[in-house]
Amino acid sequence: RLRPLSDALLQYREQVEKMNVDRATSFESLSKTTSRLMELQDRSISETERLNRILGREKDRGSWGENQLENIFRLSGMEPYIDYMTQLTVSQDAKNVRPDAVVRLPGRGNFAIDSKAPLADYDTYLAAETPEQQAEAAKVFAATVKRHIQQLTSKSYYDYIKPSPDFVACFIPSDNVLSTALSGDQDLWNFAVRSKVLLCGPSSLMGMLWSVAYGWRQSQLQENAQEIMDLSETLHQRISVAYGHFHELSRSLGTTVKSYNKLVDSMESRLLVTIRTMETKGVKSKADIKEVDALVELPHDPNPDKWPVAPALPLTTLEAEIVELPRETE
């Protein structure tokens, strides 16, 4: 009679133990989730504080822009002090200029980059709550960027860093920030171009640096091709000199053979005749006089006309493009 009650108590105990295990597991999972949320919250607070410092202090804004510029140089595969230089001071007429970076161009050219992070007014744009407030803040921000453009124009980096194209790149370390400035003033880009300033964000600057790197690779290939051409000309000249020596040696050998044959003819026609006559008179030693043959073969003189002709080299891609095609006759 007590068996059903005992079974019920056993099941109840198992359920309680299972609930305790599930509760412990859930609590552990909740603790991990809470810790993760707290970690993310701390990181968010740190990033917010960092952004506030950047937006609030001009020194931090400048450092942020310079760090972004250095990151882009590294991602583009450029080497410092080889492909570009940072914080280079150039003096002329008792005046010093110091762009944030100078990029070396193929063909002994250079162009300057100045990093600008005008984020103080951009903070106002981010804080705007209505489209009207955003539009007004964008105009104010665009005016700030325009003042930076005017400052860069007055520095005239291209007059100090020569040879250099007549422009300076103004790097704004955020594509969104640059887009906001351009939206605030539709003529801002044209104004910058007229002022010999090229506005660029991370994406456009990366494309520009990739183009420069490609130009350097092509320049290196051209230098290698020219070096090979110079070596080929030197080799051709040295081979010509060597064949000249062969020609002189051939003439010398030919002269020697002719002199030898003359000596043989002289011995046979004069000396040996006298010896044979002496032998008929009984004058003879134990030694036999051997006959000497004249040399028939002469050394071959190098003949350039018999040299094999090298096959024509295929046209390069560039040469193939500029070959004029025959015109169709009407």
C-alpha atoms as a PDB file:
ATOM      1  CA  ARG A   1       0.000   0.000   0.000  1.00  0.00           C
ATOM      2  CA  LEU A   2       2.919   2.417   0.654  1.00  0.00           C
ATOM      3  CA  ARG A   3       4.594   1.549  -2.704  1.00  0.00           C
ATOM      4  CA  PRO A   4       2.765   4.192  -4.788  1.00  0.00           C
ATOM      5  CA  LEU A   5       3.585   6.888  -2.240  1.00  0.00           C
ATOM      6  CA  SER A   6       7.249   5.871  -2.219  1.00  0.00           C
ATOM      7  CA  ASP A   7       7.396   6.045  -6.024  1.00  0.00           C
ATOM      8  CA  ALA A   8       5.762   9.459  -6.016  1.00  0.00           C
ATOM      9  CA  LEU A   9       8.268  10.767  -3.474  1.00  0.00           C
ATOM     10  CA  LEU A  10      11.141   9.378  -5.567  1.00  0.00           C
ATOM     11  CA  GLN A  11       9.847  11.102  -8.711  1.00  0.00           C
ATOM     12  CA  TYR A  12       9.387  14.326  -6.769  1.00  0.00           C
ATOM     13  CA  ARG A  13      12.965  14.102  -5.532  1.00  0.00           C
ATOM     14  CA  GLU A  14      14.288  13.506  -9.053  1.00  0.00           C
ATOM     15  CA  GLN A  15      12.342  16.491 -10.348  1.00  0.00           C
ATOM     16  CA  VAL A  16      13.699  18.722  -7.593  1.00  0.00           C
ATOM     17  CA  GLU A  17      17.267  17.606  -8.296  1.00  0.00           C
ATOM     18  CA  LYS A  18      16.760  18.199 -12.021  1.00  0.00           C
ATOM     19  CA  MET A  19      15.376  21.665 -11.300  1.00  0.00           C
ATOM     20  CA  ASN A  20      18.406  22.435  -9.144  1.00  0.00           C
ATOM     21  CA  VAL A  21      20.761  21.341 -11.930  1.00  0.00           C
ATOM     22  CA  ASP A  22      18.869  23.386 -14.535  1.00  0.00           C
ATOM     23  CA  ARG A  23      18.818  26.393 -12.239  1.00  0.00           C
ATOM     24  CA  ALA A  24      22.571  26.144 -11.662  1.00  0.00           C
ATOM     25  CA  THR A  25      23.175  25.846 -15.413  1.00  0.00           C
ATOM     26  CA  SER A  26      20.902  28.780 -16.146  1.00  0.00           C
ATOM     27  CA  PHE A  27      22.568  30.863 -13.461  1.00  0.00           C
ATOM     28  CA  GLU A  28      26.004  30.094 -14.887  1.00  0.00           C
ATOM     29  CA  SER A  29      24.838  31.020 -18.385  1.00  0.00           C
ATOM     30  CA  LEU A  30      23.246  34.186 -17.041  1.00  0.00           C
ATOM     31  CA  SER A  31      26.460  35.071 -15.236  1.00  0.00           C
ATOM     32  CA  LYS A  32      28.479  34.650 -18.427  1.00  0.00           C
ATOM     33  CA  THR A  33      25.984  36.720 -20.399  1.00  0.00           C
ATOM     34  CA  THR A  34      26.021  39.416 -17.734  1.00  0.00           C
ATOM     35  CA  SER A  35      29.814  39.478 -17.723  1.00  0.00           C
ATOM     36  CA  ARG A  36      29.842  39.737 -21.503  1.00  0.00           C
ATOM     37  CA  LEU A  37      27.345  42.598 -21.421  1.00  0.00           C
ATOM     38  CA  MET A  38      29.386  44.390 -18.783  1.00  0.00           C
ATOM     39  CA  GLU A  39      32.513  43.922 -20.887  1.00  0.00           C
ATOM     40  CA  LEU A  40      30.759  45.302 -23.956  1.00  0.00           C
ATOM     41  CA  GLN A  41      29.413  48.166 -21.894  1.00  0.00           C
ATOM     42  CA  ASP A  42      32.877  48.977 -20.583  1.00  0.00           C
ATOM     43  CA  ARG A  43      34.267  48.844 -24.123  1.00  0.00           C
ATOM     44  CA  SER A  44      31.463  51.044 -25.381  1.00  0.00           C
ATOM     45  CA  ILE A  45      32.145  53.536 -22.607  1.00  0.00           C
ATOM     46  CA  SER A  46      35.850  53.510 -23.478  1.00  0.00           C
ATOM     47  CA  GLU A  47      35.148  54.054 -27.181  1.00  0.00           C
ATOM     48  CA  THR A  48      32.691  56.816 -26.362  1.00  0.00           C
ATOM     49  CA  GLU A  49      35.204  58.509 -24.100  1.00  0.00           C
ATOM     50  CA  ARG A  50      37.860  58.159 -26.815  1.00  0.00           C
ATOM     51  CA  LEU A  51      35.533  59.639 -29.434  1.00  0.00           C
ATOM     52  CA  ASN A  52      34.629  62.453 -27.071  1.00  0.00           C
ATOM     53  CA  ARG A  53      38.315  63.181 -26.559  1.00  0.00           C
ATOM     54  CA  ILE A  54      38.842  63.186 -30.306  1.00  0.00           C
ATOM     55  CA  LEU A  55      35.877  65.456 -30.884  1.00  0.00           C
ATOM     56  CA  GLY A  56      36.743  67.697 -27.985  1.00  0.00           C
ATOM     57  CA  ARG A  57      40.495  68.260 -28.219  1.00  0.00           C
ATOM     58  CA  GLU A  58      42.251  69.443 -31.342  1.00  0.00           C
ATOM     59  CA  LYS A  59      45.471  67.594 -30.463  1.00  0.00           C
ATOM     60  CA  ASP A  60      43.653  64.256 -30.215  1.00  0.00           C
ATOM     61  CA  ARG A  61      41.822  64.941 -33.476  1.00  0.00           C
ATOM     62  CA  GLY A  62      45.134  65.585 -35.209  1.00  0.00           C
ATOM     63  CA  SER A  63      46.693  62.419 -33.780  1.00  0.00           C
ATOM     64  CA  TRP A  64      43.691  60.390 -34.899  1.00  0.00           C
ATOM     65  CA  GLY A  65      43.997  61.727 -38.444  1.00  0.00           C
ATOM     66  CA  GLU A  66      47.735  61.060 -38.586  1.00  0.00           C
ATOM     67  CA  ASN A  67      47.238  57.513 -37.276  1.00  0.00           C
ATOM     68  CA  GLN A  68      44.576  56.880 -39.912  1.00  0.00           C
ATOM     69  CA  LEU A  69      46.955  58.182 -42.564  1.00  0.00           C
ATOM     70  CA  GLU A  70      49.738  55.886 -41.348  1.00  0.00           C
ATOM     71  CA  ASN A  71      47.347  52.904 -41.405  1.00  0.00           C
ATOM     72  CA  ILE A  72      46.423  53.616 -45.014  1.00  0.00           C
ATOM     73  CA  PHE A  73      50.088  53.819 -45.999  1.00  0.00           C
ATOM     74  CA  ARG A  74      50.677  50.447 -44.370  1.00  0.00           C
ATOM     75  CA  LEU A  75      47.624  48.837 -45.998  1.00  0.00           C
ATOM     76  CA  SER A  76      48.653  50.140 -49.419  1.00  0.00           C
ATOM     77  CA  GLY A  77      51.993  48.321 -49.112  1.00  0.00           C
ATOM     78  CA  MET A  78      54.184  51.424 -49.047  1.00  0.00           C
ATOM     79  CA  GLU A  79      57.424  51.469 -47.100  1.00  0.00           C
ATOM     80  CA  PRO A  80      58.328  54.436 -44.871  1.00  0.00           C
ATOM     81  CA  TYR A  81      61.419  56.450 -45.867  1.00  0.00           C
ATOM     82  CA  ILE A  82      61.341  54.680 -49.243  1.00  0.00           C
ATOM     83  CA  ASP A  83      57.924  55.350 -50.754  1.00  0.00           C
ATOM     84  CA  TYR A  84      56.871  58.114 -48.396  1.00  0.00           C
ATOM     85  CA  MET A  85      58.098  60.264 -45.516  1.00  0.00           C
ATOM     86  CA  THR A  86      56.142  61.727 -42.614  1.00  0.00           C
ATOM     87  CA  GLN A  87      56.610  65.029 -40.804  1.00  0.00           C
ATOM     88  CA  LEU A  88      59.230  66.196 -43.304  1.00  0.00           C
ATOM     89  CA  THR A  89      60.341  69.787 -42.702  1.00  0.00           C
ATOM     90  CA  VAL A  90      61.319  71.739 -45.830  1.00  0.00           C
ATOM     91  CA  SER A  91      62.914  75.187 -45.660  1.00  0.00           C
ATOM     92  CA  GLN A  92      62.984  77.893 -48.301  1.00  0.00           C
ATOM     93  CA  ASP A  93      63.500  81.649 -48.038  1.00  0.00           C
ATOM     94  CA  ALA A  94      63.674  81.451 -44.230  1.00  0.00           C
ATOM     95  CA  LYS A  95      60.263  79.765 -44.149  1.00  0.00           C
ATOM     96  CA  ASN A  96      59.574  76.223 -42.983  1.00  0.00           C
ATOM     97  CA  VAL A  97      56.715  73.984 -44.079  1.00  0.00           C
ATOM     98  CA  ARG A  98      55.911  70.598 -42.609  1.00  0.00           C
ATOM     99  CA  PRO A  99      53.252  68.491 -44.327  1.00  0.00           C
ATOM    100  CA  ASP A 100      52.034  65.368 -42.584  1.00  0.00           C
ATOM    101  CA  ALA A 101      53.394  63.161 -45.381  1.00  0.00           C
ATOM    102  CA  VAL A 102      55.258  63.394 -48.683  1.00  0.00           C
ATOM    103  CA  VAL A 103      54.723  60.604 -51.222  1.00  0.00           C
ATOM    104  CA  ARG A 104      57.425  59.854 -53.786  1.00  0.00           C
ATOM    105  CA  LEU A 105      56.185  59.523 -57.361  1.00  0.00           C
ATOM    106  CA  PRO A 106      57.809  57.621 -60.238  1.00  0.00           C
ATOM    107  CA  GLY A 107      59.962  59.935 -62.300  1.00  0.00           C
ATOM    108  CA  ARG A 108      61.445  61.829 -59.330  1.00  0.00           C
ATOM    109  CA  GLY A 109      58.169  63.530 -58.384  1.00  0.00           C
ATOM    110  CA  ASN A 110      56.569  64.162 -54.989  1.00  0.00           C
ATOM    111  CA  PHE A 111      53.250  65.287 -53.621  1.00  0.00           C
ATOM    112  CA  ALA A 112      52.283  66.422 -50.140  1.00  0.00           C
ATOM    113  CA  ILE A 113      49.445  65.155 -47.954  1.00  0.00           C
ATOM    114  CA  ASP A 114      48.025  67.058 -45.009  1.00  0.00           C
ATOM    115  CA  SER A 115      45.641  65.348 -42.612  1.00  0.00           C
ATOM    116  CA  LYS A 116      42.677  67.365 -41.352  1.00  0.00           C
ATOM    117  CA  ALA A 117      40.146  66.149 -38.791  1.00  0.00           C
ATOM    118  CA  PRO A 118      37.667  69.043 -38.297  1.00  0.00           C
ATOM    119  CA  LEU A 119      35.408  67.051 -35.981  1.00  0.00           C
ATOM    120  CA  ALA A 120      34.297  69.784 -33.605  1.00  0.00           C
ATOM    121  CA  ASP A 121      31.534  71.010 -35.930  1.00  0.00           C
ATOM    122  CA  TYR A 122      30.895  67.443 -37.059  1.00  0.00           C
ATOM    123  CA  ASP A 123      29.917  66.653 -33.477  1.00  0.00           C
ATOM    124  CA  THR A 124      27.177  69.284 -33.812  1.00  0.00           C
ATOM    125  CA  TYR A 125      25.988  67.572 -36.988  1.00  0.00           C
ATOM    126  CA  LEU A 126      25.787  64.210 -35.214  1.00  0.00           C
ATOM    127  CA  ALA A 127      23.830  65.761 -32.351  1.00  0.00           C
ATOM    128  CA  ALA A 128      21.222  67.312 -34.675  1.00  0.00           C
ATOM    129  CA  GLU A 129      17.760  65.857 -34.125  1.00  0.00           C
ATOM    130  CA  THR A 130      15.876  67.089 -37.188  1.00  0.00           C
ATOM    131  CA  PRO A 131      16.729  67.135 -40.905  1.00  0.00           C
ATOM    132  CA  GLU A 132      16.712  70.925 -40.825  1.00  0.00           C
ATOM    133  CA  GLN A 133      19.213  70.980 -37.977  1.00  0.00           C
ATOM    134  CA  GLN A 134      21.395  68.445 -39.813  1.00  0.00           C
ATOM    135  CA  ALA A 135      21.340  70.517 -43.018  1.00  0.00           C
ATOM    136  CA  GLU A 136      22.318  73.657 -41.121  1.00  0.00           C
ATOM    137  CA  ALA A 137      25.067  71.814 -39.218  1.00  0.00           C
ATOM    138  CA  ALA A 138      26.366  70.364 -42.512  1.00  0.00           C
ATOM    139  CA  LYS A 139      26.685  73.888 -43.945  1.00  0.00           C
ATOM    140  CA  VAL A 140      28.624  75.038 -40.894  1.00  0.00           C
ATOM    141  CA  PHE A 141      30.841  71.970 -41.128  1.00  0.00           C
ATOM    142  CA  ALA A 142      31.450  72.561 -44.860  1.00  0.00           C
ATOM    143  CA  ALA A 143      32.486  76.135 -44.069  1.00  0.00           C
ATOM    144  CA  THR A 144      35.022  74.778 -41.574  1.00  0.00           C
ATOM    145  CA  VAL A 145      36.460  72.440 -44.216  1.00  0.00           C
ATOM    146  CA  LYS A 146      36.627  75.357 -46.666  1.00  0.00           C
ATOM    147  CA  ARG A 147      38.747  77.325 -44.191  1.00  0.00           C
ATOM    148  CA  HIS A 148      41.119  74.369 -43.937  1.00  0.00           C
ATOM    149  CA  ILE A 149      41.354  74.345 -47.741  1.00  0.00           C
ATOM    150  CA  GLN A 150      42.268  78.019 -47.741  1.00  0.00           C
ATOM    151  CA  GLN A 151      44.942  77.383 -45.118  1.00  0.00           C
ATOM    152  CA  LEU A 152      46.464  74.586 -47.212  1.00  0.00           C
ATOM    153  CA  THR A 153      46.448  76.791 -50.294  1.00  0.00           C
ATOM    154  CA  SER A 154      48.341  79.506 -48.439  1.00  0.00           C
ATOM    155  CA  LYS A 155      51.076  77.020 -47.466  1.00  0.00           C
ATOM    156  CA  SER A 156      51.851  76.163 -51.122  1.00  0.00           C
ATOM    157  CA  TYR A 157      53.596  72.891 -50.313  1.00  0.00           C
ATOM    158  CA  TYR A 158      54.205  72.271 -54.024  1.00  0.00           C
ATOM    159  CA  ASP A 159      56.486  75.329 -54.169  1.00  0.00           C
ATOM    160  CA  TYR A 160      58.773  73.806 -51.532  1.00  0.00           C
ATOM    161  CA  ILE A 161      58.663  70.102 -52.395  1.00  0.00           C
ATOM    162  CA  LYS A 162      60.016  69.959 -55.933  1.00  0.00           C
ATOM    163  CA  PRO A 163      59.479  68.468 -58.382  1.00  0.00           C
ATOM    164  CA  SER A 164      55.805  68.252 -57.481  1.00  0.00           C
ATOM    165  CA  PRO A 165      52.424  68.562 -59.195  1.00  0.00           C
ATOM    166  CA  ASP A 166      50.607  71.781 -58.391  1.00  0.00           C
ATOM    167  CA  PHE A 167      48.267  70.358 -55.783  1.00  0.00           C
ATOM    168  CA  VAL A 168      48.215  69.122 -52.211  1.00  0.00           C
ATOM    169  CA  ALA A 169      46.064  66.260 -50.941  1.00  0.00           C
ATOM    170  CA  CYS A 170      43.814  67.126 -47.998  1.00  0.00           C
ATOM    171  CA  PHE A 171      43.124  63.860 -46.188  1.00  0.00           C
ATOM    172  CA  ILE A 172      39.961  63.699 -44.083  1.00  0.00           C
ATOM    173  CA  PRO A 173      40.187  60.441 -42.087  1.00  0.00           C
ATOM    174  CA  SER A 174      36.552  59.372 -42.567  1.00  0.00           C
ATOM    175  CA  ASP A 175      34.560  58.930 -45.766  1.00  0.00           C
ATOM    176  CA  ASN A 176      31.359  59.795 -43.886  1.00  0.00           C
ATOM    177  CA  VAL A 177      32.872  63.019 -42.565  1.00  0.00           C
ATOM    178  CA  LEU A 178      33.998  64.011 -46.067  1.00  0.00           C
ATOM    179  CA  SER A 179      30.586  63.134 -47.499  1.00  0.00           C
ATOM    180  CA  THR A 180      28.897  65.311 -44.876  1.00  0.00           C
ATOM    181  CA  ALA A 181      31.112  68.268 -45.791  1.00  0.00           C
ATOM    182  CA  LEU A 182      30.370  67.853 -49.503  1.00  0.00           C
ATOM    183  CA  SER A 183      26.629  67.643 -48.793  1.00  0.00           C
ATOM    184  CA  GLY A 184      26.794  70.913 -46.863  1.00  0.00           C
ATOM    185  CA  ASP A 185      28.266  72.832 -49.814  1.00  0.00           C
ATOM    186  CA  GLN A 186      27.667  71.649 -53.366  1.00  0.00           C
ATOM    187  CA  ASP A 187      30.538  73.806 -54.636  1.00  0.00           C
ATOM    188  CA  LEU A 188      33.051  72.632 -52.026  1.00  0.00           C
ATOM    189  CA  TRP A 189      34.761  70.131 -54.339  1.00  0.00           C
ATOM    190  CA  ASN A 190      35.117  72.654 -57.177  1.00  0.00           C
ATOM    191  CA  PHE A 191      36.383  75.251 -54.716  1.00  0.00           C
ATOM    192  CA  ALA A 192      39.045  72.810 -53.521  1.00  0.00           C
ATOM    193  CA  VAL A 193      40.143  72.011 -57.093  1.00  0.00           C
ATOM    194  CA  ARG A 194      40.397  75.702 -57.958  1.00  0.00           C
ATOM    195  CA  SER A 195      42.486  76.114 -54.809  1.00  0.00           C
ATOM    196  CA  LYS A 196      44.829  73.287 -55.931  1.00  0.00           C
ATOM    197  CA  VAL A 197      43.650  71.064 -53.080  1.00  0.00           C
ATOM    198  CA  LEU A 198      42.472  67.491 -53.623  1.00  0.00           C
ATOM    199  CA  LEU A 199      39.951  66.361 -51.009  1.00  0.00           C
ATOM    200  CA  CYS A 200      40.239  62.664 -50.261  1.00  0.00           C
ATOM    201  CA  GLY A 201      38.921  60.233 -47.689  1.00  0.00           C
ATOM    202  CA  PRO A 202      40.383  56.829 -46.789  1.00  0.00           C
ATOM    203  CA  SER A 203      38.875  55.081 -49.840  1.00  0.00           C
ATOM    204  CA  SER A 204      40.000  57.622 -52.435  1.00  0.00           C
ATOM    205  CA  LEU A 205      43.446  58.007 -50.850  1.00  0.00           C
ATOM    206  CA  MET A 206      43.889  54.238 -50.847  1.00  0.00           C
ATOM    207  CA  GLY A 207      43.066  54.141 -54.562  1.00  0.00           C
ATOM    208  CA  MET A 208      45.521  56.965 -55.201  1.00  0.00           C
ATOM    209  CA  LEU A 209      48.317  55.211 -53.312  1.00  0.00           C
ATOM    210  CA  TRP A 210      47.607  51.934 -55.119  1.00  0.00           C
ATOM    211  CA  SER A 211      47.978  53.813 -58.406  1.00  0.00           C
ATOM    212  CA  VAL A 212      51.290  55.257 -57.216  1.00  0.00           C
ATOM    213  CA  ALA A 213      52.479  51.779 -56.165  1.00  0.00           C
ATOM    214  CA  TYR A 214      51.483  50.413 -59.593  1.00  0.00           C
ATOM    215  CA  GLY A 215      53.410  53.243 -61.226  1.00  0.00           C
ATOM    216  CA  TRP A 216      56.479  52.339 -59.177  1.00  0.00           C
ATOM    217  CA  ARG A 217      56.229  48.698 -60.289  1.00  0.00           C
ATOM    218  CA  GLN A 218      55.979  49.754 -63.938  1.00  0.00           C
ATOM    219  CA  SER A 219      58.891  52.143 -63.470  1.00  0.00           C
ATOM    220  CA  GLN A 220      60.977  49.351 -61.972  1.00  0.00           C
ATOM    221  CA  LEU A 221      60.111  47.068 -64.897  1.00  0.00           C
ATOM    222  CA  GLN A 222      61.129  49.822 -67.307  1.00  0.00           C
ATOM    223  CA  GLU A 223      64.407  50.354 -65.471  1.00  0.00           C
ATOM    224  CA  ASN A 224      65.087  46.600 -65.570  1.00  0.00           C
ATOM    225  CA  ALA A 225      64.303  46.507 -69.293  1.00  0.00           C
ATOM    226  CA  GLN A 226      66.645  49.444 -69.922  1.00  0.00           C
ATOM    227  CA  GLU A 227      69.363  47.771 -67.869  1.00  0.00           C
ATOM    228  CA  ILE A 228      68.963  44.577 -69.899  1.00  0.00           C
ATOM    229  CA  MET A 229      69.170  46.645 -73.093  1.00  0.00           C
ATOM    230  CA  ASP A 230      72.352  48.335 -71.880  1.00  0.00           C
ATOM    231  CA  LEU A 231      73.878  44.975 -70.958  1.00  0.00           C
ATOM    232  CA  SER A 232      72.895  43.591 -74.372  1.00  0.00           C
ATOM    233  CA  GLU A 233      74.601  46.501 -76.129  1.00  0.00           C
ATOM    234  CA  THR A 234      77.715  45.975 -74.006  1.00  0.00           C
ATOM    235  CA  LEU A 235      77.691  42.241 -74.783  1.00  0.00           C
ATOM    236  CA  HIS A 236      77.272  42.954 -78.508  1.00  0.00           C
ATOM    237  CA  GLN A 237      80.198  45.365 -78.435  1.00  0.00           C
ATOM    238  CA  ARG A 238      82.422  42.885 -76.603  1.00  0.00           C
ATOM    239  CA  ILE A 239      81.501  40.091 -79.014  1.00  0.00           C
ATOM    240  CA  SER A 240      82.385  42.410 -81.909  1.00  0.00           C
ATOM    241  CA  VAL A 241      85.778  43.089 -80.322  1.00  0.00           C
ATOM    242  CA  ALA A 242      86.344  39.348 -79.786  1.00  0.00           C
ATOM    243  CA  TYR A 243      85.480  38.606 -83.420  1.00  0.00           C
ATOM    244  CA  GLY A 244      87.912  41.333 -84.443  1.00  0.00           C
ATOM    245  CA  HIS A 245      90.635  39.482 -82.562  1.00  0.00           C
ATOM    246  CA  PHE A 246      89.553  36.248 -84.296  1.00  0.00           C
ATOM    247  CA  HIS A 247      89.857  38.016 -87.638  1.00  0.00           C
ATOM    248  CA  GLU A 248      93.356  39.269 -86.842  1.00  0.00           C
ATOM    249  CA  LEU A 249      94.366  35.813 -85.623  1.00  0.00           C
ATOM    250  CA  SER A 250      92.991  34.257 -88.814  1.00  0.00           C
ATOM    251  CA  ARG A 251      95.034  36.651 -90.940  1.00  0.00           C
ATOM    252  CA  SER A 252      98.138  35.930 -88.866  1.00  0.00           C
ATOM    253  CA  LEU A 253      97.644  32.179 -89.204  1.00  0.00           C
ATOM    254  CA  GLY A 254      97.078  32.539 -92.951  1.00  0.00           C
ATOM    255  CA  THR A 255     100.289  34.552 -93.297  1.00  0.00           C
ATOM    256  CA  THR A 256     102.149  31.920 -91.256  1.00  0.00           C
ATOM    257  CA  VAL A 257     100.829  29.092 -93.468  1.00  0.00           C
ATOM    258  CA  LYS A 258     101.809  30.947 -96.629  1.00  0.00           C
ATOM    259  CA  SER A 259     105.306  31.583 -95.266  1.00  0.00           C
ATOM    260  CA  TYR A 260     105.564  27.924 -94.293  1.00  0.00           C
ATOM    261  CA  ASN A 261     104.536  26.781 -97.778  1.00  0.00           C
ATOM    262  CA  LYS A 262     107.066  29.152 -99.367  1.00  0.00           C
ATOM    263  CA  LEU A 263     109.745  27.647 -97.164  1.00  0.00           C
ATOM    264  CA  VAL A 264     108.700  24.121 -98.211  1.00  0.00           C
ATOM    265  CA  ASP A 265     108.747  25.103-101.879  1.00  0.00           C
ATOM    266  CA  SER A 266     112.156  26.692-101.462  1.00  0.00           C
ATOM    267  CA  MET A 267     113.547  23.596 -99.749  1.00  0.00           C
ATOM    268  CA  GLU A 268     112.162  21.257-102.411  1.00  0.00           C
ATOM    269  CA  SER A 269     113.192  23.372-105.383  1.00  0.00           C
ATOM    270  CA  ARG A 270     116.633  24.413-104.191  1.00  0.00           C
ATOM    271  CA  LEU A 271     117.967  22.711-101.072  1.00  0.00           C
ATOM    272  CA  LEU A 272     116.722  19.172-101.734  1.00  0.00           C
ATOM    273  CA  VAL A 273     117.912  19.273-105.377  1.00  0.00           C
ATOM    274  CA  THR A 274     121.429  20.031-104.205  1.00  0.00           C
ATOM    275  CA  ILE A 275     121.257  17.236-101.624  1.00  0.00           C
ATOM    276  CA  ARG A 276     120.106  14.712-104.247  1.00  0.00           C
ATOM    277  CA  THR A 277     122.989  15.745-106.480  1.00  0.00           C
ATOM    278  CA  MET A 278     125.419  15.256-103.594  1.00  0.00           C
ATOM    279  CA  GLU A 279     123.985  11.792-102.959  1.00  0.00           C
ATOM    280  CA  THR A 280     124.697  10.816-106.561  1.00  0.00           C
ATOM    281  CA  LYS A 281     128.302  11.809-105.944  1.00  0.00           C
ATOM    282  CA  GLY A 282     128.492   9.441-103.019  1.00  0.00           C
ATOM    283  CA  VAL A 283     128.038  11.978-100.266  1.00  0.00           C
ATOM    284  CA  LYS A 284     125.464  10.527 -97.902  1.00  0.00           C
ATOM    285  CA  SER A 285     124.999  10.147 -94.165  1.00  0.00           C
ATOM    286  CA  LYS A 286     123.120   7.508 -92.246  1.00  0.00           C
ATOM    287  CA  ALA A 287     120.181   9.846 -91.668  1.00  0.00           C
ATOM    288  CA  ASP A 288     117.282   9.858 -94.116  1.00  0.00           C
ATOM    289  CA  ILE A 289     115.886  13.151 -95.282  1.00  0.00           C
ATOM    290  CA  LYS A 290     112.124  12.994 -94.953  1.00  0.00           C
ATOM    291  CA  GLU A 291     109.811  14.792 -97.273  1.00  0.00           C
ATOM    292  CA  VAL A 292     107.892  17.776 -95.964  1.00  0.00           C
ATOM    293  CA  ASP A 293     104.361  18.381 -97.251  1.00  0.00           C
ATOM    294  CA  ALA A 294     102.952  21.805 -97.792  1.00  0.00           C
ATOM    295  CA  LEU A 295      99.843  22.864 -95.835  1.00  0.00           C
ATOM    296  CA  VAL A 296      96.749  22.973 -97.994  1.00  0.00           C
ATOM    297  CA  GLU A 297      94.069  24.082 -95.472  1.00  0.00           C
ATOM    298  CA  LEU A 298      93.977  27.737 -94.520  1.00  0.00           C
ATOM    299  CA  PRO A 299      92.192  29.139 -91.418  1.00  0.00           C
ATOM    300  CA  HIS A 300      88.623  30.258 -92.030  1.00  0.00           C
ATOM    301  CA  ASP A 301      88.037  33.979 -91.786  1.00  0.00           C
ATOM    302  CA  PRO A 302      84.885  34.815 -89.719  1.00  0.00           C
ATOM    303  CA  ASN A 303      82.166  35.893 -92.144  1.00  0.00           C
ATOM    304  CA  PRO A 304      79.286  37.911 -90.611  1.00  0.00           C
ATOM    305  CA  ASP A 305      77.196  37.257 -93.727  1.00  0.00           C
ATOM    306  CA  LYS A 306      76.957  33.597 -92.742  1.00  0.00           C
ATOM    307  CA  TRP A 307      75.794  34.245 -89.181  1.00  0.00           C
ATOM    308  CA  PRO A 308      72.280  32.943 -88.445  1.00  0.00           C
ATOM    309  CA  VAL A 309      69.564  35.567 -88.349  1.00  0.00           C
ATOM    310  CA  ALA A 310      67.693  35.801 -85.032  1.00  0.00           C
ATOM    311  CA  PRO A 311      63.902  35.424 -85.263  1.00  0.00           C
ATOM    312  CA  ALA A 312      61.892  38.613 -84.950  1.00  0.00           C
ATOM    313  CA  LEU A 313      60.782  39.335 -81.411  1.00  0.00           C
ATOM    314  CA  PRO A 314      57.019  39.614 -80.810  1.00  0.00           C
ATOM    315  CA  LEU A 315      55.639  43.097 -80.376  1.00  0.00           C
ATOM    316  CA  THR A 316      54.927  44.224 -76.870  1.00  0.00           C
ATOM    317  CA  THR A 317      51.355  45.088 -75.953  1.00  0.00           C
ATOM    318  CA  LEU A 318      52.069  48.802 -76.168  1.00  0.00           C
ATOM    319  CA  GLU A 319      53.845  48.473 -79.525  1.00  0.00           C
ATOM    320  CA  ALA A 320      51.008  46.339 -80.879  1.00  0.00           C
ATOM    321  CA  GLU A 321      48.501  49.017 -79.949  1.00  0.00           C
ATOM    322  CA  ILE A 322      50.310  51.771 -81.847  1.00  0.00           C
ATOM    323  CA  VAL A 323      50.895  49.808 -85.071  1.00  0.00           C
ATOM    324  CA  GLU A 324      48.958  51.579 -87.807  1.00  0.00           C
ATOM    325  CA  LEU A 325      46.462  49.281 -89.484  1.00  0.00           C
ATOM    326  CA  PRO A 326      46.162  49.374 -93.299  1.00  0.00           C
ATOM    327  CA  ARG A 327      43.278  51.473 -94.520  1.00  0.00           C
ATOM    328  CA  GLU A 328      40.544  49.891 -96.532  1.00  0.00           C
ATOM    329  CA  THR A 329      40.454  50.956-100.163  1.00  0.00           C
ATOM    330  CA  GLU A 330      37.176  52.243-101.425  1.00  0.00           C
END
